[in-house]
């Protein structure tokens, strides 16, 4: 396999790689520092109060199922009661 155009391609790659040498130092020296705004902290009281209009739904729910056959004759708790 002969590479007829290998020399010009190699020269172009070498020139492209050497073109960027030394520019990194010039660019960092030329960049100026950014302007920074400094503010003093303010001291004030914060009230923790939020009002929301909407409906809240429980994230976790529990389904109570019997593992016995039969009929439920009485319920000894109400909805929302801690059991």
C-alpha atoms as a PDB file:
ATOM      1  CA  UNK A   1       0.000   0.000   0.000  1.00  0.00           C
ATOM      2  CA  UNK A   2       1.533   3.296  -1.086  1.00  0.00           C
ATOM      3  CA  UNK A   3       0.809   6.648   0.519  1.00  0.00           C
ATOM      4  CA  UNK A   4       1.291   9.253  -2.160  1.00  0.00           C
ATOM      5  CA  UNK A   5      -0.192  12.133  -0.206  1.00  0.00           C
ATOM      6  CA  UNK A   6       1.274  11.211   3.197  1.00  0.00           C
ATOM      7  CA  UNK A   7       3.883  13.981   3.287  1.00  0.00           C
ATOM      8  CA  UNK A   8       1.463  16.883   2.608  1.00  0.00           C
ATOM      9  CA  UNK A   9      -1.092  15.469   5.062  1.00  0.00           C
ATOM     10  CA  UNK A  10       1.576  15.062   7.765  1.00  0.00           C
ATOM     11  CA  UNK A  11       2.789  18.613   7.172  1.00  0.00           C
ATOM     12  CA  UNK A  12      -0.748  19.985   7.485  1.00  0.00           C
ATOM     13  CA  UNK A  13      -1.348  18.073  10.750  1.00  0.00           C
ATOM     14  CA  UNK A  14       1.971  19.288  12.185  1.00  0.00           C
ATOM     15  CA  UNK A  15       1.214  22.895  11.232  1.00  0.00           C
ATOM     16  CA  UNK A  16      -2.273  22.695  12.766  1.00  0.00           C
ATOM     17  CA  UNK A  17      -0.952  21.238  16.012  1.00  0.00           C
ATOM     18  CA  UNK A  18       1.844  23.809  16.318  1.00  0.00           C
ATOM     19  CA  UNK A  19      -0.450  26.743  15.510  1.00  0.00           C
ATOM     20  CA  UNK A  20      -2.024  26.646  18.958  1.00  0.00           C
ATOM     21  CA  UNK A  21       1.241  26.430  20.954  1.00  0.00           C
ATOM     22  CA  UNK A  22       1.972  29.385  23.207  1.00  0.00           C
ATOM     23  CA  UNK A  23      -1.460  31.012  22.789  1.00  0.00           C
ATOM     24  CA  UNK A  24      -2.757  29.640  26.099  1.00  0.00           C
ATOM     25  CA  UNK A  25      -0.292  31.768  28.075  1.00  0.00           C
ATOM     26  CA  UNK A  26      -1.082  34.882  26.052  1.00  0.00           C
ATOM     27  CA  UNK A  27      -4.849  34.429  26.467  1.00  0.00           C
ATOM     28  CA  UNK A  28      -4.710  33.926  30.248  1.00  0.00           C
ATOM     29  CA  UNK A  29      -2.549  37.016  30.696  1.00  0.00           C
ATOM     30  CA  UNK A  30      -4.858  39.096  28.493  1.00  0.00           C
ATOM     31  CA  UNK A  31      -8.034  38.137  30.380  1.00  0.00           C
ATOM     32  CA  UNK A  32      -9.029  40.567  33.086  1.00  0.00           C
ATOM     33  CA  UNK A  33     -10.631  39.559  36.359  1.00  0.00           C
ATOM     34  CA  UNK A  34     -14.441  39.753  36.459  1.00  0.00           C
ATOM     35  CA  UNK A  35     -16.152  42.461  38.504  1.00  0.00           C
ATOM     36  CA  UNK A  36     -17.619  41.150  41.759  1.00  0.00           C
ATOM     37  CA  UNK A  37     -20.397  42.815  43.758  1.00  0.00           C
ATOM     38  CA  UNK A  38     -20.217  42.445  47.539  1.00  0.00           C
ATOM     39  CA  UNK A  39     -23.179  43.125  49.834  1.00  0.00           C
ATOM     40  CA  UNK A  40     -23.419  43.175  53.615  1.00  0.00           C
ATOM     41  CA  UNK A  41     -25.789  40.589  55.130  1.00  0.00           C
ATOM     42  CA  UNK A  42     -29.120  41.935  56.402  1.00  0.00           C
ATOM     43  CA  UNK A  43     -30.514  40.878  59.749  1.00  0.00           C
ATOM     44  CA  UNK A  44     -34.317  40.682  60.078  1.00  0.00           C
ATOM     45  CA  UNK A  45     -36.953  38.432  61.578  1.00  0.00           C
ATOM     46  CA  UNK A  46     -38.582  35.877  59.316  1.00  0.00           C
ATOM     47  CA  UNK A  47     -42.151  34.670  59.775  1.00  0.00           C
ATOM     48  CA  UNK A  48     -42.696  31.016  58.845  1.00  0.00           C
ATOM     49  CA  UNK A  49     -46.245  31.186  57.501  1.00  0.00           C
ATOM     50  CA  UNK A  50     -47.613  29.980  54.202  1.00  0.00           C
ATOM     51  CA  UNK A  51     -51.198  29.728  52.998  1.00  0.00           C
ATOM     52  CA  UNK A  52     -52.250  27.296  50.310  1.00  0.00           C
ATOM     53  CA  UNK A  53     -55.634  26.737  48.762  1.00  0.00           C
ATOM     54  CA  UNK A  54     -56.191  23.174  47.725  1.00  0.00           C
ATOM     55  CA  UNK A  55     -56.795  19.648  48.847  1.00  0.00           C
ATOM     56  CA  UNK A  56     -54.281  17.592  50.752  1.00  0.00           C
ATOM     57  CA  UNK A  57     -54.138  13.850  50.222  1.00  0.00           C
ATOM     58  CA  UNK A  58     -52.152  11.398  52.312  1.00  0.00           C
ATOM     59  CA  UNK A  59     -48.991  10.095  50.704  1.00  0.00           C
ATOM     60  CA  UNK A  60     -49.169   6.708  52.417  1.00  0.00           C
ATOM     61  CA  UNK A  61     -52.367   4.699  52.759  1.00  0.00           C
ATOM     62  CA  UNK A  62     -53.171   1.345  54.299  1.00  0.00           C
ATOM     63  CA  UNK A  63     -55.765  -1.112  53.062  1.00  0.00           C
ATOM     64  CA  UNK A  64     -57.167  -3.421  55.744  1.00  0.00           C
ATOM     65  CA  UNK A  65     -58.273  -6.768  54.371  1.00  0.00           C
ATOM     66  CA  UNK A  66     -59.454  -9.783  56.263  1.00  0.00           C
ATOM     67  CA  UNK A  67     -57.813 -13.137  55.688  1.00  0.00           C
ATOM     68  CA  UNK A  68     -60.840 -14.930  57.067  1.00  0.00           C
ATOM     69  CA  UNK A  69     -64.150 -15.610  55.414  1.00  0.00           C
ATOM     70  CA  UNK A  70     -67.247 -14.106  56.930  1.00  0.00           C
ATOM     71  CA  UNK A  71     -69.156 -10.845  57.273  1.00  0.00           C
ATOM     72  CA  UNK A  72     -68.281  -7.655  59.152  1.00  0.00           C
ATOM     73  CA  UNK A  73     -70.858  -7.114  61.878  1.00  0.00           C
ATOM     74  CA  UNK A  74     -69.441  -4.016  63.664  1.00  0.00           C
ATOM     75  CA  UNK A  75     -66.887  -1.252  63.020  1.00  0.00           C
ATOM     76  CA  UNK A  76     -65.108  -0.022  66.144  1.00  0.00           C
ATOM     77  CA  UNK A  77     -63.354   3.001  64.591  1.00  0.00           C
ATOM     78  CA  UNK A  78     -64.215   5.982  62.390  1.00  0.00           C
ATOM     79  CA  UNK A  79     -62.484   7.240  59.256  1.00  0.00           C
ATOM     80  CA  UNK A  80     -59.367   9.230  60.095  1.00  0.00           C
ATOM     81  CA  UNK A  81     -59.084   7.860  63.631  1.00  0.00           C
ATOM     82  CA  UNK A  82     -55.718   6.558  64.850  1.00  0.00           C
ATOM     83  CA  UNK A  83     -55.981   2.792  65.270  1.00  0.00           C
END
